[in-house]
N, C-alpha and C. Protein backbone atom coordinates (compact mmCIF):
# COMPACT_ATOMS: atom_id res chain seq x y z
N UNK A 1 -14.03 -1.21 31.53
CA UNK A 1 -13.06 -0.48 30.75
C UNK A 1 -12.80 -1.25 29.45
N UNK A 2 -12.84 -0.55 28.33
CA UNK A 2 -12.64 -1.16 27.02
C UNK A 2 -11.15 -1.35 26.74
N UNK A 3 -10.81 -2.53 26.24
CA UNK A 3 -9.41 -2.81 25.91
C UNK A 3 -9.01 -2.03 24.67
N UNK A 4 -7.74 -1.68 24.60
CA UNK A 4 -7.23 -0.97 23.43
C UNK A 4 -7.05 -1.93 22.27
N UNK A 5 -6.61 -1.42 21.15
CA UNK A 5 -6.42 -2.27 19.98
C UNK A 5 -5.31 -3.28 20.22
N UNK A 6 -5.40 -4.40 19.54
CA UNK A 6 -4.36 -5.41 19.63
C UNK A 6 -3.27 -5.05 18.64
N UNK A 7 -2.20 -4.49 19.15
CA UNK A 7 -1.03 -4.15 18.34
C UNK A 7 0.08 -5.11 18.75
N UNK A 8 0.58 -5.83 17.77
CA UNK A 8 1.65 -6.78 18.05
C UNK A 8 2.96 -6.22 17.52
N UNK A 9 4.07 -6.75 18.04
CA UNK A 9 5.40 -6.31 17.61
C UNK A 9 6.19 -7.51 17.13
N UNK A 10 6.91 -7.31 16.04
CA UNK A 10 7.81 -8.35 15.53
C UNK A 10 8.94 -7.66 14.79
N UNK A 11 10.14 -7.87 15.24
CA UNK A 11 11.32 -7.35 14.55
C UNK A 11 11.36 -5.84 14.44
N UNK A 12 10.83 -5.13 15.43
CA UNK A 12 10.87 -3.67 15.40
C UNK A 12 9.72 -3.02 14.63
N UNK A 13 8.81 -3.84 14.11
CA UNK A 13 7.62 -3.32 13.42
C UNK A 13 6.39 -3.66 14.25
N UNK A 14 5.45 -2.73 14.29
CA UNK A 14 4.20 -2.91 15.02
C UNK A 14 3.09 -3.16 14.00
N UNK A 15 2.16 -4.06 14.36
CA UNK A 15 1.15 -4.52 13.41
C UNK A 15 -0.24 -4.41 14.00
N UNK A 16 -1.16 -3.97 13.18
CA UNK A 16 -2.56 -3.81 13.54
C UNK A 16 -3.39 -4.47 12.45
N UNK A 17 -4.35 -5.30 12.82
CA UNK A 17 -5.24 -5.95 11.85
C UNK A 17 -6.57 -5.23 11.80
N UNK A 18 -7.10 -5.15 10.58
CA UNK A 18 -8.40 -4.52 10.35
C UNK A 18 -9.37 -5.55 9.79
N UNK A 19 -10.61 -5.48 10.23
CA UNK A 19 -11.67 -6.33 9.68
C UNK A 19 -11.91 -5.98 8.23
N UNK A 20 -12.69 -6.79 7.60
CA UNK A 20 -13.07 -6.65 6.19
C UNK A 20 -13.25 -5.19 5.79
N UNK A 21 -12.41 -4.74 4.85
CA UNK A 21 -12.44 -3.33 4.42
C UNK A 21 -12.01 -3.24 2.96
N UNK A 22 -11.97 -2.04 2.46
CA UNK A 22 -11.47 -1.77 1.12
C UNK A 22 -10.32 -0.77 1.23
N UNK A 23 -9.70 -0.50 0.09
CA UNK A 23 -8.60 0.47 0.07
C UNK A 23 -9.04 1.86 0.52
N UNK A 24 -10.33 2.13 0.47
CA UNK A 24 -10.84 3.44 0.89
C UNK A 24 -10.49 3.80 2.32
N UNK A 25 -10.23 2.79 3.16
CA UNK A 25 -9.85 3.05 4.56
C UNK A 25 -8.56 3.86 4.63
N UNK A 26 -7.76 3.80 3.57
CA UNK A 26 -6.48 4.54 3.57
C UNK A 26 -6.67 6.04 3.70
N UNK A 27 -7.81 6.56 3.33
CA UNK A 27 -8.08 7.99 3.48
C UNK A 27 -7.99 8.39 4.96
N UNK A 28 -8.18 7.42 5.86
CA UNK A 28 -8.17 7.70 7.29
C UNK A 28 -6.93 7.15 7.99
N UNK A 29 -6.06 6.51 7.22
CA UNK A 29 -4.86 5.90 7.80
C UNK A 29 -3.59 6.63 7.38
N UNK A 30 -3.49 6.99 6.12
CA UNK A 30 -2.25 7.61 5.64
C UNK A 30 -1.98 8.92 6.34
N UNK A 31 -0.73 9.20 6.59
CA UNK A 31 -0.30 10.44 7.23
C UNK A 31 -0.04 11.48 6.14
N UNK A 32 -0.81 12.55 6.08
CA UNK A 32 -0.62 13.55 5.02
C UNK A 32 0.73 14.25 5.08
N UNK A 33 1.43 14.14 6.22
CA UNK A 33 2.74 14.76 6.36
C UNK A 33 3.87 13.91 5.79
N UNK A 34 3.59 12.66 5.51
CA UNK A 34 4.60 11.75 4.94
C UNK A 34 4.45 11.83 3.42
N UNK A 35 5.54 12.18 2.71
CA UNK A 35 5.39 12.64 1.34
C UNK A 35 5.09 11.63 0.23
N UNK A 36 5.43 10.35 0.40
CA UNK A 36 5.31 9.44 -0.74
C UNK A 36 4.51 8.19 -0.43
N UNK A 37 3.82 7.72 -1.46
CA UNK A 37 3.11 6.45 -1.42
C UNK A 37 3.65 5.60 -2.57
N UNK A 38 4.01 4.37 -2.23
CA UNK A 38 4.49 3.40 -3.21
C UNK A 38 3.52 2.24 -3.21
N UNK A 39 2.82 2.08 -4.32
CA UNK A 39 1.93 0.93 -4.49
C UNK A 39 2.72 -0.09 -5.30
N UNK A 40 2.88 -1.25 -4.74
CA UNK A 40 3.73 -2.27 -5.37
C UNK A 40 2.87 -3.30 -6.11
N UNK A 41 3.27 -3.57 -7.34
CA UNK A 41 2.69 -4.63 -8.17
C UNK A 41 1.19 -4.46 -8.37
N UNK A 42 0.77 -3.24 -8.68
CA UNK A 42 -0.64 -2.97 -8.95
C UNK A 42 -1.06 -3.60 -10.27
N UNK A 43 -2.18 -4.26 -10.26
CA UNK A 43 -2.77 -4.83 -11.47
C UNK A 43 -4.11 -4.13 -11.68
N UNK A 44 -4.20 -3.26 -12.70
CA UNK A 44 -5.45 -2.53 -12.89
C UNK A 44 -6.64 -3.43 -13.22
N UNK A 45 -6.37 -4.60 -13.79
CA UNK A 45 -7.43 -5.56 -14.09
C UNK A 45 -7.20 -6.80 -13.24
N UNK A 46 -8.21 -7.13 -12.47
CA UNK A 46 -8.07 -8.22 -11.51
C UNK A 46 -8.06 -9.60 -12.14
N UNK A 47 -8.59 -9.73 -13.33
CA UNK A 47 -8.71 -11.04 -13.95
C UNK A 47 -7.81 -11.11 -15.17
N UNK A 48 -7.24 -12.29 -15.41
CA UNK A 48 -6.37 -12.50 -16.57
C UNK A 48 -7.22 -12.63 -17.83
N UNK A 49 -7.32 -11.53 -18.54
CA UNK A 49 -8.06 -11.47 -19.80
C UNK A 49 -7.28 -10.56 -20.74
N UNK A 50 -7.36 -10.85 -22.01
CA UNK A 50 -6.75 -9.94 -22.98
C UNK A 50 -7.60 -8.68 -23.05
N UNK A 51 -6.93 -7.52 -23.01
CA UNK A 51 -7.61 -6.23 -23.05
C UNK A 51 -6.92 -5.31 -24.04
N UNK A 52 -7.71 -4.61 -24.80
CA UNK A 52 -7.16 -3.61 -25.72
C UNK A 52 -6.86 -2.35 -24.94
N UNK A 53 -5.67 -1.83 -25.14
CA UNK A 53 -5.25 -0.62 -24.44
C UNK A 53 -4.14 0.04 -25.24
N UNK A 54 -3.63 1.11 -24.70
CA UNK A 54 -2.45 1.76 -25.28
C UNK A 54 -1.32 1.62 -24.27
N UNK A 55 -0.15 1.26 -24.77
CA UNK A 55 1.01 1.09 -23.89
C UNK A 55 2.28 1.42 -24.68
N UNK A 56 3.28 1.90 -23.96
CA UNK A 56 4.60 2.09 -24.55
C UNK A 56 5.31 0.75 -24.52
N UNK A 57 5.94 0.40 -25.63
CA UNK A 57 6.63 -0.88 -25.72
C UNK A 57 8.13 -0.76 -25.52
N UNK A 58 8.60 0.46 -25.42
CA UNK A 58 10.02 0.69 -25.16
C UNK A 58 10.15 2.03 -24.45
N UNK A 59 11.33 2.28 -23.93
CA UNK A 59 11.57 3.51 -23.16
C UNK A 59 11.26 4.77 -23.95
N UNK A 60 11.62 4.78 -25.20
CA UNK A 60 11.41 5.97 -26.03
C UNK A 60 10.20 5.84 -26.93
N UNK A 61 9.47 4.76 -26.76
CA UNK A 61 8.34 4.50 -27.64
C UNK A 61 7.16 5.42 -27.39
N UNK A 62 6.29 5.43 -28.35
CA UNK A 62 5.04 6.17 -28.22
C UNK A 62 3.96 5.16 -27.85
N UNK A 63 2.83 5.65 -27.42
CA UNK A 63 1.73 4.76 -27.08
C UNK A 63 1.30 3.98 -28.32
N UNK A 64 1.15 2.68 -28.15
CA UNK A 64 0.75 1.79 -29.23
C UNK A 64 -0.56 1.11 -28.84
N UNK A 65 -1.42 0.90 -29.83
CA UNK A 65 -2.63 0.10 -29.60
C UNK A 65 -2.21 -1.36 -29.55
N UNK A 66 -2.44 -2.01 -28.42
CA UNK A 66 -2.03 -3.41 -28.22
C UNK A 66 -3.09 -4.13 -27.38
N UNK A 67 -2.95 -5.44 -27.32
CA UNK A 67 -3.73 -6.23 -26.38
C UNK A 67 -2.77 -6.75 -25.32
N UNK A 68 -3.12 -6.58 -24.06
CA UNK A 68 -2.27 -7.01 -22.97
C UNK A 68 -3.06 -7.90 -22.02
N UNK A 69 -2.32 -8.67 -21.25
CA UNK A 69 -2.93 -9.51 -20.22
C UNK A 69 -2.04 -9.43 -18.99
N UNK A 70 -2.64 -9.35 -17.84
CA UNK A 70 -1.92 -9.36 -16.57
C UNK A 70 -0.89 -8.24 -16.46
N UNK A 71 -1.24 -7.05 -16.92
CA UNK A 71 -0.34 -5.89 -16.79
C UNK A 71 -0.19 -5.56 -15.31
N UNK A 72 1.03 -5.33 -14.91
CA UNK A 72 1.36 -5.07 -13.51
C UNK A 72 2.44 -4.01 -13.44
N UNK A 73 2.35 -3.11 -12.46
CA UNK A 73 3.38 -2.09 -12.31
C UNK A 73 3.39 -1.55 -10.89
N UNK A 74 4.50 -0.89 -10.56
CA UNK A 74 4.61 -0.14 -9.31
C UNK A 74 4.18 1.29 -9.60
N UNK A 75 3.60 1.93 -8.60
CA UNK A 75 3.17 3.31 -8.73
C UNK A 75 3.77 4.09 -7.57
N UNK A 76 4.40 5.21 -7.88
CA UNK A 76 4.94 6.11 -6.86
C UNK A 76 4.25 7.45 -7.03
N UNK A 77 3.69 7.97 -5.94
CA UNK A 77 2.96 9.23 -6.03
C UNK A 77 3.11 10.01 -4.73
N UNK A 78 3.03 11.34 -4.83
CA UNK A 78 2.92 12.12 -3.59
C UNK A 78 1.65 11.67 -2.85
N UNK A 79 1.69 11.68 -1.55
CA UNK A 79 0.55 11.22 -0.76
C UNK A 79 -0.73 11.94 -1.15
N UNK A 80 -0.69 13.26 -1.32
CA UNK A 80 -1.90 14.01 -1.67
C UNK A 80 -2.46 13.55 -3.01
N UNK A 81 -1.60 13.30 -3.98
CA UNK A 81 -2.06 12.82 -5.29
C UNK A 81 -2.65 11.42 -5.18
N UNK A 82 -2.01 10.56 -4.41
CA UNK A 82 -2.54 9.21 -4.22
C UNK A 82 -3.95 9.28 -3.62
N UNK A 83 -4.14 10.14 -2.65
CA UNK A 83 -5.47 10.26 -2.03
C UNK A 83 -6.51 10.73 -3.04
N UNK A 84 -6.11 11.55 -4.00
CA UNK A 84 -7.03 11.95 -5.08
C UNK A 84 -7.39 10.73 -5.95
N UNK A 85 -6.43 9.85 -6.15
CA UNK A 85 -6.63 8.67 -6.99
C UNK A 85 -7.27 7.50 -6.25
N UNK A 86 -7.38 7.58 -4.95
CA UNK A 86 -7.83 6.47 -4.12
C UNK A 86 -9.12 5.79 -4.60
N UNK A 87 -10.14 6.52 -5.05
CA UNK A 87 -11.35 5.83 -5.53
C UNK A 87 -11.09 4.81 -6.64
N UNK A 88 -10.04 5.01 -7.42
CA UNK A 88 -9.70 4.07 -8.49
C UNK A 88 -9.27 2.70 -7.93
N UNK A 89 -8.85 2.65 -6.69
CA UNK A 89 -8.34 1.43 -6.07
C UNK A 89 -9.38 0.70 -5.23
N UNK A 90 -10.58 1.24 -5.14
CA UNK A 90 -11.59 0.75 -4.22
C UNK A 90 -11.91 -0.74 -4.38
N UNK A 91 -11.87 -1.25 -5.58
CA UNK A 91 -12.24 -2.66 -5.79
C UNK A 91 -11.01 -3.58 -5.90
N UNK A 92 -9.86 -3.08 -5.49
CA UNK A 92 -8.61 -3.83 -5.63
C UNK A 92 -8.01 -4.18 -4.27
N UNK A 93 -7.20 -5.22 -4.28
CA UNK A 93 -6.29 -5.47 -3.18
C UNK A 93 -5.08 -4.58 -3.37
N UNK A 94 -4.19 -4.56 -2.39
CA UNK A 94 -3.09 -3.61 -2.49
C UNK A 94 -1.96 -3.93 -1.53
N UNK A 95 -0.74 -3.70 -2.00
CA UNK A 95 0.44 -3.65 -1.15
C UNK A 95 0.95 -2.22 -1.28
N UNK A 96 0.91 -1.49 -0.19
CA UNK A 96 1.24 -0.06 -0.21
C UNK A 96 2.24 0.23 0.89
N UNK A 97 3.21 1.07 0.55
CA UNK A 97 4.18 1.56 1.51
C UNK A 97 4.11 3.08 1.51
N UNK A 98 3.97 3.68 2.68
CA UNK A 98 4.09 5.14 2.76
C UNK A 98 5.51 5.42 3.24
N UNK A 99 6.21 6.25 2.46
CA UNK A 99 7.64 6.44 2.64
C UNK A 99 7.98 7.90 2.96
N UNK A 100 8.92 8.08 3.84
CA UNK A 100 9.40 9.43 4.19
C UNK A 100 10.34 9.98 3.12
N UNK A 101 10.92 9.09 2.32
CA UNK A 101 11.80 9.50 1.22
C UNK A 101 11.32 8.86 -0.07
N UNK A 102 11.65 9.51 -1.16
CA UNK A 102 11.33 8.97 -2.48
C UNK A 102 12.01 7.60 -2.63
N UNK A 103 11.29 6.66 -3.19
CA UNK A 103 11.84 5.32 -3.39
C UNK A 103 12.88 5.39 -4.51
N UNK A 104 14.09 4.92 -4.26
CA UNK A 104 15.12 4.95 -5.31
C UNK A 104 14.71 4.12 -6.53
N UNK A 105 15.13 4.56 -7.69
CA UNK A 105 14.84 3.83 -8.92
C UNK A 105 15.26 2.37 -8.83
N UNK A 106 16.36 2.12 -8.14
CA UNK A 106 16.92 0.78 -8.11
C UNK A 106 16.35 -0.11 -7.01
N UNK A 107 15.47 0.42 -6.15
CA UNK A 107 14.93 -0.39 -5.07
C UNK A 107 13.73 -1.20 -5.55
N UNK A 108 13.91 -2.50 -5.59
CA UNK A 108 12.79 -3.42 -5.78
C UNK A 108 12.87 -4.40 -4.63
N UNK A 109 11.81 -5.08 -4.36
CA UNK A 109 11.83 -6.08 -3.30
C UNK A 109 11.90 -7.49 -3.87
N UNK A 110 11.93 -7.58 -5.20
CA UNK A 110 12.07 -8.88 -5.84
C UNK A 110 13.41 -9.46 -5.45
N UNK A 111 13.40 -10.66 -4.96
CA UNK A 111 14.64 -11.32 -4.58
C UNK A 111 15.14 -10.99 -3.19
N UNK A 112 14.50 -10.05 -2.50
CA UNK A 112 14.90 -9.73 -1.12
C UNK A 112 14.25 -10.77 -0.22
N UNK A 113 15.04 -11.40 0.63
CA UNK A 113 14.52 -12.42 1.55
C UNK A 113 13.45 -11.80 2.45
N UNK A 114 12.42 -12.57 2.73
CA UNK A 114 11.31 -12.07 3.55
C UNK A 114 11.78 -11.44 4.85
N UNK A 115 12.76 -12.06 5.50
CA UNK A 115 13.23 -11.56 6.79
C UNK A 115 14.03 -10.26 6.66
N UNK A 116 14.41 -9.89 5.44
CA UNK A 116 15.20 -8.67 5.22
C UNK A 116 14.35 -7.51 4.69
N UNK A 117 13.11 -7.78 4.27
CA UNK A 117 12.29 -6.74 3.64
C UNK A 117 12.09 -5.54 4.56
N UNK A 118 11.70 -5.77 5.81
CA UNK A 118 11.46 -4.65 6.72
C UNK A 118 12.72 -3.81 6.90
N UNK A 119 13.85 -4.47 7.08
CA UNK A 119 15.11 -3.74 7.27
C UNK A 119 15.41 -2.86 6.05
N UNK A 120 15.24 -3.39 4.86
CA UNK A 120 15.50 -2.62 3.63
C UNK A 120 14.53 -1.44 3.54
N UNK A 121 13.27 -1.69 3.83
CA UNK A 121 12.28 -0.61 3.75
C UNK A 121 12.55 0.47 4.81
N UNK A 122 12.89 0.05 6.02
CA UNK A 122 13.19 1.03 7.07
C UNK A 122 14.40 1.88 6.71
N UNK A 123 15.41 1.27 6.12
CA UNK A 123 16.59 2.03 5.68
C UNK A 123 16.24 3.06 4.61
N UNK A 124 15.14 2.83 3.91
CA UNK A 124 14.72 3.72 2.83
C UNK A 124 13.56 4.63 3.21
N UNK A 125 13.24 4.70 4.51
CA UNK A 125 12.26 5.68 4.98
C UNK A 125 10.85 5.17 5.18
N UNK A 126 10.66 3.88 5.41
CA UNK A 126 9.31 3.35 5.61
C UNK A 126 8.63 4.01 6.81
N UNK A 127 7.41 4.45 6.60
CA UNK A 127 6.58 4.97 7.68
C UNK A 127 5.43 4.00 7.98
N UNK A 128 4.87 3.42 6.92
CA UNK A 128 3.68 2.59 7.09
C UNK A 128 3.60 1.57 5.96
N UNK A 129 3.14 0.38 6.28
CA UNK A 129 2.86 -0.64 5.26
C UNK A 129 1.39 -1.03 5.41
N UNK A 130 0.71 -1.15 4.28
CA UNK A 130 -0.70 -1.57 4.25
C UNK A 130 -0.81 -2.74 3.30
N UNK A 131 -1.40 -3.84 3.78
CA UNK A 131 -1.59 -5.01 2.92
C UNK A 131 -3.04 -5.43 2.97
N UNK A 132 -3.66 -5.44 1.80
CA UNK A 132 -5.05 -5.86 1.63
C UNK A 132 -5.05 -6.89 0.51
N UNK A 133 -5.26 -8.18 0.82
CA UNK A 133 -5.18 -9.21 -0.22
C UNK A 133 -6.14 -8.96 -1.39
N UNK A 134 -7.35 -8.54 -1.08
CA UNK A 134 -8.33 -8.14 -2.10
C UNK A 134 -9.41 -7.32 -1.40
N UNK A 135 -10.20 -6.60 -2.17
CA UNK A 135 -11.22 -5.74 -1.58
C UNK A 135 -12.17 -6.56 -0.70
N UNK A 136 -12.62 -5.96 0.37
CA UNK A 136 -13.54 -6.55 1.34
C UNK A 136 -12.91 -7.79 1.99
N UNK A 137 -11.67 -7.62 2.41
CA UNK A 137 -10.90 -8.66 3.09
C UNK A 137 -10.25 -8.00 4.31
N UNK A 138 -9.76 -8.80 5.22
CA UNK A 138 -9.02 -8.25 6.36
C UNK A 138 -7.70 -7.66 5.86
N UNK A 139 -7.28 -6.58 6.47
CA UNK A 139 -6.05 -5.89 6.07
C UNK A 139 -5.11 -5.80 7.26
N UNK A 140 -3.83 -5.63 6.96
CA UNK A 140 -2.87 -5.37 8.02
C UNK A 140 -2.22 -4.01 7.77
N UNK A 141 -1.99 -3.32 8.86
CA UNK A 141 -1.30 -2.03 8.84
C UNK A 141 -0.11 -2.18 9.76
N UNK A 142 1.08 -1.85 9.26
CA UNK A 142 2.30 -1.99 10.04
C UNK A 142 3.10 -0.70 10.00
N UNK A 143 3.82 -0.44 11.08
CA UNK A 143 4.64 0.75 11.16
C UNK A 143 5.72 0.55 12.22
N UNK A 144 6.86 1.21 12.07
CA UNK A 144 7.84 1.17 13.14
C UNK A 144 7.44 2.10 14.30
N UNK A 145 6.36 2.85 14.13
CA UNK A 145 5.91 3.88 15.07
C UNK A 145 4.63 3.43 15.77
N UNK A 146 4.76 2.78 16.94
CA UNK A 146 3.58 2.29 17.66
C UNK A 146 2.59 3.41 18.01
N UNK A 147 3.06 4.57 18.54
CA UNK A 147 2.09 5.63 18.85
C UNK A 147 1.27 6.07 17.62
N UNK A 148 1.88 6.05 16.45
CA UNK A 148 1.13 6.39 15.24
C UNK A 148 0.00 5.38 15.03
N UNK A 149 0.30 4.09 15.14
CA UNK A 149 -0.74 3.07 14.96
C UNK A 149 -1.83 3.20 16.02
N UNK A 150 -1.45 3.54 17.24
CA UNK A 150 -2.45 3.73 18.29
C UNK A 150 -3.39 4.88 17.95
N UNK A 151 -2.82 5.98 17.45
CA UNK A 151 -3.67 7.13 17.05
C UNK A 151 -4.59 6.75 15.89
N UNK A 152 -4.05 6.05 14.89
CA UNK A 152 -4.86 5.62 13.74
C UNK A 152 -6.01 4.74 14.21
N UNK A 153 -5.72 3.81 15.11
CA UNK A 153 -6.75 2.86 15.57
C UNK A 153 -7.89 3.54 16.32
N UNK A 154 -7.65 4.73 16.85
CA UNK A 154 -8.68 5.44 17.60
C UNK A 154 -9.49 6.41 16.73
N UNK A 155 -9.13 6.57 15.48
CA UNK A 155 -9.92 7.45 14.61
C UNK A 155 -11.31 6.85 14.44
N UNK A 156 -12.36 7.68 14.51
CA UNK A 156 -13.74 7.14 14.42
C UNK A 156 -14.01 6.35 13.13
N UNK A 157 -13.35 6.71 12.05
CA UNK A 157 -13.56 6.04 10.78
C UNK A 157 -12.85 4.68 10.73
N UNK A 158 -11.84 4.51 11.57
CA UNK A 158 -11.03 3.29 11.57
C UNK A 158 -11.46 2.35 12.69
N UNK A 159 -11.82 2.89 13.84
CA UNK A 159 -12.11 2.10 15.04
C UNK A 159 -13.03 0.91 14.79
N UNK A 160 -14.12 1.04 14.02
CA UNK A 160 -14.99 -0.13 13.81
C UNK A 160 -14.31 -1.30 13.09
N UNK A 161 -13.21 -1.05 12.41
CA UNK A 161 -12.52 -2.09 11.66
C UNK A 161 -11.40 -2.77 12.45
N UNK A 162 -11.02 -2.19 13.58
CA UNK A 162 -9.89 -2.72 14.35
C UNK A 162 -10.29 -4.05 14.98
N UNK A 163 -9.39 -5.02 14.80
CA UNK A 163 -9.64 -6.36 15.37
C UNK A 163 -9.04 -6.47 16.76
């Protein structure tokens, strides 16, 4: 008899580890019924280099031709839209939260103690957390819903990656 996936529990969150993968695995993990995806601290360029681009320099500003380095931002998108954009993330690492509610404008995790992050996210509708340090690395998938993680781990596209 084959053993099931190793799902661990800590502080009310269940965790599943995946072998070396890319962000593309999210096409088989995200729940299409959960409305929002929050990608935290996305860096479109992985290396610190000056790049010519267009960016707004103020809230009411227009796009300006500038050189930037280490541009980083949060991205909030409907799950369906994020899945359309997923190929753009294939060569990147990622911190992603799938949320049952829209993330409030004022919610950041900067300055939130590590032991309080899960509680804050759960209070704001966390369904799933995905952490991939960089492409082709081991990833972790966490959720307060163990049966959801069990179902995800049994999907044919995900099963080969489960540790």
